[in-house]
Amino acid sequence: MVIVQLLAIKLLQSLLSFCTSFWNLFSGFLIPRSLIPVWWRWYYWGSPIAWTIYGIFASPFGDLKTVIDTPKGPQRVDLSIPQG
């Protein structure tokens, strides 16, 4: 009984390492979402790592608009994160 459970644990560990590797690869940190092939984008949206990275970076800077002074006069700059 114990041997069967150990085999199941090893199987689950290898499956989890495979899934975690793909989550890290397609989380938008190594490969941006716009460069992920269309048939893999579902994996991006299902990845909890992608949502964490998106929440950390997009929430504070997602719709920041500001006016800066340039030699040509004040200009409005949009610092939004592209969604493409």
C-alpha atoms as a PDB file:
ATOM      1  CA  MET A   1       0.000   0.000   0.000  1.00  0.00           C
ATOM      2  CA  VAL A   2       2.790   2.421   0.910  1.00  0.00           C
ATOM      3  CA  ILE A   3       4.674   1.618  -2.319  1.00  0.00           C
ATOM      4  CA  VAL A   4       1.644   2.453  -4.443  1.00  0.00           C
ATOM      5  CA  GLN A   5       1.257   5.800  -2.693  1.00  0.00           C
ATOM      6  CA  LEU A   6       4.959   6.566  -3.197  1.00  0.00           C
ATOM      7  CA  LEU A   7       4.644   5.840  -6.905  1.00  0.00           C
ATOM      8  CA  ALA A   8       1.630   8.132  -7.110  1.00  0.00           C
ATOM      9  CA  ILE A   9       3.544  10.899  -5.320  1.00  0.00           C
ATOM     10  CA  LYS A  10       6.452  10.593  -7.770  1.00  0.00           C
ATOM     11  CA  LEU A  11       4.049  10.709 -10.686  1.00  0.00           C
ATOM     12  CA  LEU A  12       2.280  13.764  -9.308  1.00  0.00           C
ATOM     13  CA  GLN A  13       5.597  15.510  -8.624  1.00  0.00           C
ATOM     14  CA  SER A  14       6.763  15.037 -12.196  1.00  0.00           C
ATOM     15  CA  LEU A  15       3.386  16.152 -13.551  1.00  0.00           C
ATOM     16  CA  LEU A  16       3.433  19.218 -11.327  1.00  0.00           C
ATOM     17  CA  SER A  17       6.974  20.141 -12.394  1.00  0.00           C
ATOM     18  CA  PHE A  18       5.906  19.872 -16.049  1.00  0.00           C
ATOM     19  CA  CYS A  19       2.853  22.106 -15.480  1.00  0.00           C
ATOM     20  CA  THR A  20       4.850  24.625 -13.443  1.00  0.00           C
ATOM     21  CA  SER A  21       7.464  24.848 -16.196  1.00  0.00           C
ATOM     22  CA  PHE A  22       4.778  25.653 -18.740  1.00  0.00           C
ATOM     23  CA  TRP A  23       3.146  28.161 -16.389  1.00  0.00           C
ATOM     24  CA  ASN A  24       6.469  29.941 -15.996  1.00  0.00           C
ATOM     25  CA  LEU A  25       7.154  29.867 -19.720  1.00  0.00           C
ATOM     26  CA  PHE A  26       3.754  31.184 -20.784  1.00  0.00           C
ATOM     27  CA  SER A  27       3.123  33.511 -17.848  1.00  0.00           C
ATOM     28  CA  GLY A  28       4.043  36.607 -19.834  1.00  0.00           C
ATOM     29  CA  PHE A  29       7.316  37.086 -17.983  1.00  0.00           C
ATOM     30  CA  LEU A  30       9.617  35.139 -20.332  1.00  0.00           C
ATOM     31  CA  ILE A  31       7.432  35.356 -23.438  1.00  0.00           C
ATOM     32  CA  PRO A  32       5.117  38.395 -23.726  1.00  0.00           C
ATOM     33  CA  ARG A  33       1.454  37.607 -24.306  1.00  0.00           C
ATOM     34  CA  SER A  34       1.523  39.159 -27.773  1.00  0.00           C
ATOM     35  CA  LEU A  35       4.282  36.737 -28.859  1.00  0.00           C
ATOM     36  CA  ILE A  36       2.640  33.591 -27.502  1.00  0.00           C
ATOM     37  CA  PRO A  37       1.166  31.555 -30.369  1.00  0.00           C
ATOM     38  CA  VAL A  38      -2.614  31.798 -30.654  1.00  0.00           C
ATOM     39  CA  TRP A  39      -3.147  28.107 -29.871  1.00  0.00           C
ATOM     40  CA  TRP A  40      -1.285  28.523 -26.534  1.00  0.00           C
ATOM     41  CA  ARG A  41      -2.992  31.710 -25.274  1.00  0.00           C
ATOM     42  CA  TRP A  42      -5.581  29.699 -23.367  1.00  0.00           C
ATOM     43  CA  TYR A  43      -2.698  28.493 -21.199  1.00  0.00           C
ATOM     44  CA  TYR A  44      -1.719  32.096 -20.498  1.00  0.00           C
ATOM     45  CA  TRP A  45      -5.203  32.938 -19.218  1.00  0.00           C
ATOM     46  CA  GLY A  46      -5.317  29.791 -17.087  1.00  0.00           C
ATOM     47  CA  SER A  47      -1.944  30.433 -15.477  1.00  0.00           C
ATOM     48  CA  PRO A  48      -2.059  31.769 -11.901  1.00  0.00           C
ATOM     49  CA  ILE A  49       1.471  33.130 -12.377  1.00  0.00           C
ATOM     50  CA  ALA A  50       0.281  35.264 -15.311  1.00  0.00           C
ATOM     51  CA  TRP A  51      -2.508  36.751 -13.199  1.00  0.00           C
ATOM     52  CA  THR A  52      -0.027  37.511 -10.406  1.00  0.00           C
ATOM     53  CA  ILE A  53       2.401  39.264 -12.747  1.00  0.00           C
ATOM     54  CA  TYR A  54      -0.459  41.130 -14.416  1.00  0.00           C
ATOM     55  CA  GLY A  55      -1.812  42.223 -11.040  1.00  0.00           C
ATOM     56  CA  ILE A  56       1.561  43.414  -9.787  1.00  0.00           C
ATOM     57  CA  PHE A  57       2.502  45.412 -12.873  1.00  0.00           C
ATOM     58  CA  ALA A  58      -0.801  46.405 -14.465  1.00  0.00           C
ATOM     59  CA  SER A  59      -2.696  47.555 -11.401  1.00  0.00           C
ATOM     60  CA  PRO A  60      -0.423  50.422 -10.326  1.00  0.00           C
ATOM     61  CA  PHE A  61       0.497  51.526 -13.853  1.00  0.00           C
ATOM     62  CA  GLY A  62      -2.438  50.331 -15.939  1.00  0.00           C
ATOM     63  CA  ASP A  63      -4.050  53.673 -16.770  1.00  0.00           C
ATOM     64  CA  LEU A  64      -1.495  56.239 -15.646  1.00  0.00           C
ATOM     65  CA  LYS A  65      -1.705  59.437 -17.701  1.00  0.00           C
ATOM     66  CA  THR A  66       0.455  62.407 -16.891  1.00  0.00           C
ATOM     67  CA  VAL A  67       1.616  65.735 -18.306  1.00  0.00           C
ATOM     68  CA  ILE A  68       5.347  66.345 -18.566  1.00  0.00           C
ATOM     69  CA  ASP A  69       7.222  69.521 -19.416  1.00  0.00           C
ATOM     70  CA  THR A  70       9.333  69.334 -22.580  1.00  0.00           C
ATOM     71  CA  PRO A  71      11.213  72.006 -24.512  1.00  0.00           C
ATOM     72  CA  LYS A  72       8.230  72.116 -26.909  1.00  0.00           C
ATOM     73  CA  GLY A  73       5.838  72.717 -24.028  1.00  0.00           C
ATOM     74  CA  PRO A  74       3.720  70.462 -21.827  1.00  0.00           C
ATOM     75  CA  GLN A  75       2.810  67.139 -23.418  1.00  0.00           C
ATOM     76  CA  ARG A  76       0.499  64.417 -22.225  1.00  0.00           C
ATOM     77  CA  VAL A  77       2.097  60.974 -21.910  1.00  0.00           C
ATOM     78  CA  ASP A  78       0.097  57.758 -21.652  1.00  0.00           C
ATOM     79  CA  LEU A  79       1.924  55.172 -19.562  1.00  0.00           C
ATOM     80  CA  SER A  80      -0.593  52.407 -20.049  1.00  0.00           C
ATOM     81  CA  ILE A  81       0.370  48.775 -20.528  1.00  0.00           C
ATOM     82  CA  PRO A  82      -0.617  47.536 -24.003  1.00  0.00           C
ATOM     83  CA  GLN A  83      -3.133  44.693 -24.034  1.00  0.00           C
ATOM     84  CA  GLY A  84      -2.128  43.285 -27.418  1.00  0.00           C
END
